[in-house]
């Protein structure tokens, strides 16, 4: 299963590690290049530097589902 995680903070990073260790195909997006670089060094996950909210708006849920993305996570601040 492919999973996109929006945000590489404590929760997002922990989730990415756990899912990756259980053989899920994980991609994570965060604005911090430092966080993304650390994750790429430690985990076998796809990473992208950028703001996650426009990704949702531009791509839309239908497009993400067509890409086999089943679940997405972000912080409550992004939803405000």
N, C-alpha and C. Protein backbone atom coordinates (compact mmCIF):
# COMPACT_ATOMS: atom_id res chain seq x y z
N UNK A 1 0.84 -1.17 0.00
CA UNK A 1 0.00 0.00 0.00
C UNK A 1 0.89 1.24 0.00
N UNK A 2 0.49 2.25 -0.75
CA UNK A 2 1.21 3.51 -0.80
C UNK A 2 0.57 4.50 0.18
N UNK A 3 1.41 5.16 0.96
CA UNK A 3 0.91 6.10 1.95
C UNK A 3 1.68 7.41 1.85
N UNK A 4 0.98 8.53 1.79
CA UNK A 4 1.59 9.86 1.80
C UNK A 4 1.38 10.47 3.17
N UNK A 5 2.45 10.97 3.75
CA UNK A 5 2.39 11.62 5.06
C UNK A 5 2.77 13.08 4.85
N UNK A 6 1.92 13.97 5.29
CA UNK A 6 2.16 15.40 5.13
C UNK A 6 2.61 15.96 6.46
N UNK A 7 3.90 16.19 6.58
CA UNK A 7 4.48 16.70 7.82
C UNK A 7 5.49 15.72 8.38
N UNK A 8 6.73 16.17 8.59
CA UNK A 8 7.80 15.31 9.08
C UNK A 8 8.20 15.65 10.50
N UNK A 9 7.22 16.07 11.29
CA UNK A 9 7.47 16.32 12.71
C UNK A 9 7.58 15.01 13.47
N UNK A 10 7.37 15.06 14.77
CA UNK A 10 7.49 13.85 15.58
C UNK A 10 6.50 12.77 15.16
N UNK A 11 5.26 13.15 14.96
CA UNK A 11 4.23 12.17 14.61
C UNK A 11 4.45 11.64 13.19
N UNK A 12 4.66 12.54 12.24
CA UNK A 12 4.87 12.12 10.85
C UNK A 12 6.10 11.25 10.68
N UNK A 13 7.20 11.63 11.33
CA UNK A 13 8.43 10.84 11.24
C UNK A 13 8.28 9.47 11.87
N UNK A 14 7.64 9.43 13.02
CA UNK A 14 7.41 8.16 13.70
C UNK A 14 6.51 7.25 12.87
N UNK A 15 5.46 7.83 12.32
CA UNK A 15 4.55 7.08 11.47
C UNK A 15 5.27 6.55 10.23
N UNK A 16 6.08 7.40 9.60
CA UNK A 16 6.84 6.98 8.42
C UNK A 16 7.78 5.82 8.76
N UNK A 17 8.47 5.91 9.89
CA UNK A 17 9.38 4.84 10.31
C UNK A 17 8.63 3.54 10.53
N UNK A 18 7.54 3.60 11.27
CA UNK A 18 6.77 2.38 11.57
C UNK A 18 6.20 1.75 10.30
N UNK A 19 5.63 2.56 9.44
CA UNK A 19 5.04 2.03 8.21
C UNK A 19 6.10 1.48 7.27
N UNK A 20 7.22 2.19 7.14
CA UNK A 20 8.31 1.74 6.28
C UNK A 20 8.88 0.42 6.79
N UNK A 21 9.02 0.31 8.11
CA UNK A 21 9.54 -0.94 8.70
C UNK A 21 8.58 -2.11 8.49
N UNK A 22 7.31 -1.80 8.21
CA UNK A 22 6.32 -2.85 7.95
C UNK A 22 6.01 -2.99 6.46
N UNK A 23 6.98 -2.58 5.65
CA UNK A 23 6.95 -2.77 4.19
C UNK A 23 5.87 -2.00 3.44
N UNK A 24 5.44 -0.87 3.99
CA UNK A 24 4.55 0.03 3.24
C UNK A 24 5.42 0.95 2.39
N UNK A 25 4.89 1.39 1.27
CA UNK A 25 5.59 2.34 0.41
C UNK A 25 5.18 3.74 0.87
N UNK A 26 6.09 4.44 1.53
CA UNK A 26 5.79 5.70 2.20
C UNK A 26 6.45 6.87 1.48
N UNK A 27 5.69 7.95 1.32
CA UNK A 27 6.21 9.23 0.85
C UNK A 27 5.84 10.28 1.88
N UNK A 28 6.77 11.20 2.13
CA UNK A 28 6.52 12.23 3.15
C UNK A 28 6.89 13.60 2.59
N UNK A 29 6.07 14.60 2.92
CA UNK A 29 6.27 15.98 2.44
C UNK A 29 6.41 16.88 3.65
N UNK A 30 7.42 17.76 3.61
CA UNK A 30 7.60 18.74 4.69
C UNK A 30 8.32 19.95 4.13
N UNK A 31 8.10 21.11 4.73
CA UNK A 31 8.76 22.35 4.30
C UNK A 31 10.23 22.40 4.71
N UNK A 32 10.60 21.61 5.71
CA UNK A 32 11.96 21.65 6.24
C UNK A 32 12.89 20.69 5.50
N UNK A 33 13.84 21.26 4.77
CA UNK A 33 14.82 20.42 4.07
C UNK A 33 15.64 19.62 5.07
N UNK A 34 15.91 20.19 6.23
CA UNK A 34 16.68 19.50 7.27
C UNK A 34 15.97 18.23 7.72
N UNK A 35 14.67 18.33 7.99
CA UNK A 35 13.89 17.16 8.40
C UNK A 35 13.86 16.11 7.30
N UNK A 36 13.65 16.55 6.07
CA UNK A 36 13.60 15.63 4.94
C UNK A 36 14.95 14.93 4.76
N UNK A 37 16.04 15.68 4.85
CA UNK A 37 17.37 15.08 4.71
C UNK A 37 17.63 14.02 5.78
N UNK A 38 17.23 14.31 7.02
CA UNK A 38 17.41 13.33 8.10
C UNK A 38 16.60 12.06 7.85
N UNK A 39 15.38 12.23 7.39
CA UNK A 39 14.55 11.06 7.10
C UNK A 39 15.14 10.22 5.97
N UNK A 40 15.65 10.87 4.93
CA UNK A 40 16.22 10.15 3.81
C UNK A 40 17.46 9.36 4.22
N UNK A 41 18.21 9.88 5.18
CA UNK A 41 19.39 9.17 5.68
C UNK A 41 19.01 7.93 6.47
N UNK A 42 17.89 8.01 7.21
CA UNK A 42 17.53 6.94 8.15
C UNK A 42 16.53 5.94 7.60
N UNK A 43 15.66 6.36 6.67
CA UNK A 43 14.55 5.51 6.25
C UNK A 43 14.52 5.31 4.74
N UNK A 44 13.89 4.23 4.33
CA UNK A 44 13.67 3.97 2.91
C UNK A 44 12.28 4.49 2.54
N UNK A 45 12.20 5.82 2.42
CA UNK A 45 10.93 6.48 2.09
C UNK A 45 11.17 7.52 1.01
N UNK A 46 10.12 7.82 0.24
CA UNK A 46 10.19 8.91 -0.71
C UNK A 46 9.99 10.21 0.03
N UNK A 47 10.74 11.23 -0.31
CA UNK A 47 10.64 12.51 0.39
C UNK A 47 10.55 13.66 -0.59
N UNK A 48 9.84 14.70 -0.18
CA UNK A 48 9.75 15.92 -0.97
C UNK A 48 9.72 17.12 -0.05
N UNK A 49 10.45 18.16 -0.43
CA UNK A 49 10.45 19.41 0.32
C UNK A 49 9.39 20.31 -0.29
N UNK A 50 8.48 20.79 0.56
CA UNK A 50 7.44 21.68 0.09
C UNK A 50 6.32 21.78 1.09
N UNK A 51 5.38 22.68 0.81
CA UNK A 51 4.22 22.87 1.68
C UNK A 51 3.14 21.91 1.26
N UNK A 52 2.60 21.17 2.19
CA UNK A 52 1.66 20.10 1.88
C UNK A 52 0.27 20.58 1.50
N UNK A 53 -0.20 21.69 2.06
CA UNK A 53 -1.58 22.12 1.80
C UNK A 53 -1.87 22.36 0.32
N UNK A 54 -1.00 23.04 -0.43
CA UNK A 54 -1.28 23.21 -1.85
C UNK A 54 -1.33 21.88 -2.61
N UNK A 55 -0.59 20.88 -2.12
CA UNK A 55 -0.61 19.57 -2.76
C UNK A 55 -2.01 19.00 -2.75
N UNK A 56 -2.70 19.13 -1.62
CA UNK A 56 -4.06 18.62 -1.50
C UNK A 56 -5.00 19.39 -2.43
N UNK A 57 -4.88 20.70 -2.44
CA UNK A 57 -5.77 21.54 -3.23
C UNK A 57 -5.55 21.30 -4.72
N UNK A 58 -4.30 21.29 -5.15
CA UNK A 58 -3.99 21.16 -6.57
C UNK A 58 -4.30 19.77 -7.09
N UNK A 59 -3.87 18.75 -6.38
CA UNK A 59 -4.05 17.38 -6.87
C UNK A 59 -5.45 16.85 -6.63
N UNK A 60 -6.03 17.22 -5.51
CA UNK A 60 -7.35 16.73 -5.18
C UNK A 60 -7.34 15.28 -4.72
N UNK A 61 -8.33 14.93 -3.96
CA UNK A 61 -8.41 13.60 -3.38
C UNK A 61 -8.57 12.53 -4.46
N UNK A 62 -9.32 12.81 -5.51
CA UNK A 62 -9.51 11.81 -6.57
C UNK A 62 -8.19 11.43 -7.23
N UNK A 63 -7.37 12.41 -7.49
CA UNK A 63 -6.08 12.14 -8.13
C UNK A 63 -5.21 11.31 -7.21
N UNK A 64 -5.20 11.65 -5.91
CA UNK A 64 -4.40 10.88 -4.96
C UNK A 64 -4.89 9.44 -4.87
N UNK A 65 -6.20 9.24 -4.91
CA UNK A 65 -6.73 7.88 -4.88
C UNK A 65 -6.35 7.10 -6.14
N UNK A 66 -6.37 7.77 -7.29
CA UNK A 66 -5.94 7.11 -8.52
C UNK A 66 -4.48 6.69 -8.44
N UNK A 67 -3.70 7.42 -7.65
CA UNK A 67 -2.29 7.09 -7.46
C UNK A 67 -2.11 6.03 -6.38
N UNK A 68 -3.21 5.44 -5.94
CA UNK A 68 -3.21 4.38 -4.92
C UNK A 68 -2.83 4.88 -3.53
N UNK A 69 -2.95 6.19 -3.28
CA UNK A 69 -2.72 6.71 -1.95
C UNK A 69 -3.99 6.51 -1.14
N UNK A 70 -3.89 5.77 -0.04
CA UNK A 70 -5.06 5.41 0.74
C UNK A 70 -5.30 6.35 1.92
N UNK A 71 -4.24 6.78 2.59
CA UNK A 71 -4.38 7.60 3.79
C UNK A 71 -3.40 8.76 3.72
N UNK A 72 -3.80 9.90 4.28
CA UNK A 72 -2.92 11.06 4.36
C UNK A 72 -3.03 11.64 5.76
N UNK A 73 -1.91 12.11 6.28
CA UNK A 73 -1.87 12.68 7.61
C UNK A 73 -1.25 14.05 7.55
N UNK A 74 -1.78 14.97 8.34
CA UNK A 74 -1.21 16.30 8.45
C UNK A 74 -1.55 16.83 9.85
N UNK A 75 -0.99 17.95 10.20
CA UNK A 75 -1.27 18.51 11.51
C UNK A 75 -2.61 19.24 11.49
N UNK A 76 -3.19 19.44 12.64
CA UNK A 76 -4.44 20.18 12.76
C UNK A 76 -4.28 21.61 12.25
N UNK A 77 -3.09 22.18 12.38
CA UNK A 77 -2.86 23.55 11.92
C UNK A 77 -3.10 23.68 10.43
N UNK A 78 -2.78 22.64 9.67
CA UNK A 78 -2.97 22.69 8.23
C UNK A 78 -4.44 22.69 7.86
N UNK A 79 -5.30 22.18 8.74
CA UNK A 79 -6.71 22.05 8.45
C UNK A 79 -7.49 23.30 8.77
N UNK A 80 -6.87 24.23 9.49
CA UNK A 80 -7.56 25.45 9.92
C UNK A 80 -7.78 26.41 8.78
